[in-house]
């Protein structure tokens, strides 16, 4: 059974930082790029980063320079370091396998592993 467990969310003031973790089990972790997705209240799911290796991560423009994706294959865990958080970053954050579609912009799409985690809430106050 595939399981993805997100953690590390919380309430921070604008300009603050959080580090999210995603523990993955039930699949061969090394076989997948792992990404982060978020859903703000009343909005759809948005892919924000996709980490192939800790040296190779794609980001959407709105988080580039503020968020850093990484992974530890020995621990089957992916991370998202979020700095300089803004109120518009408020959302429930999820991790999933991912792929990157590059056209005129970078789009990060999920690849289904059969299940999603419960997500972790990030709230940024102004």
Foldseek 3Di string as FASTA:
>chain_A
DKAWAKDWADEEAQQAKIKMKIAIDDDQLLVFWKWKWWDAPPGDIATAKTHNAQVDMDGFPVQPPFKGKHDDSVRNMIMIIGGRDDQVVWTFMWMAGWDWDDDVGIGIDHDDPPDTYPTHTHGYHD
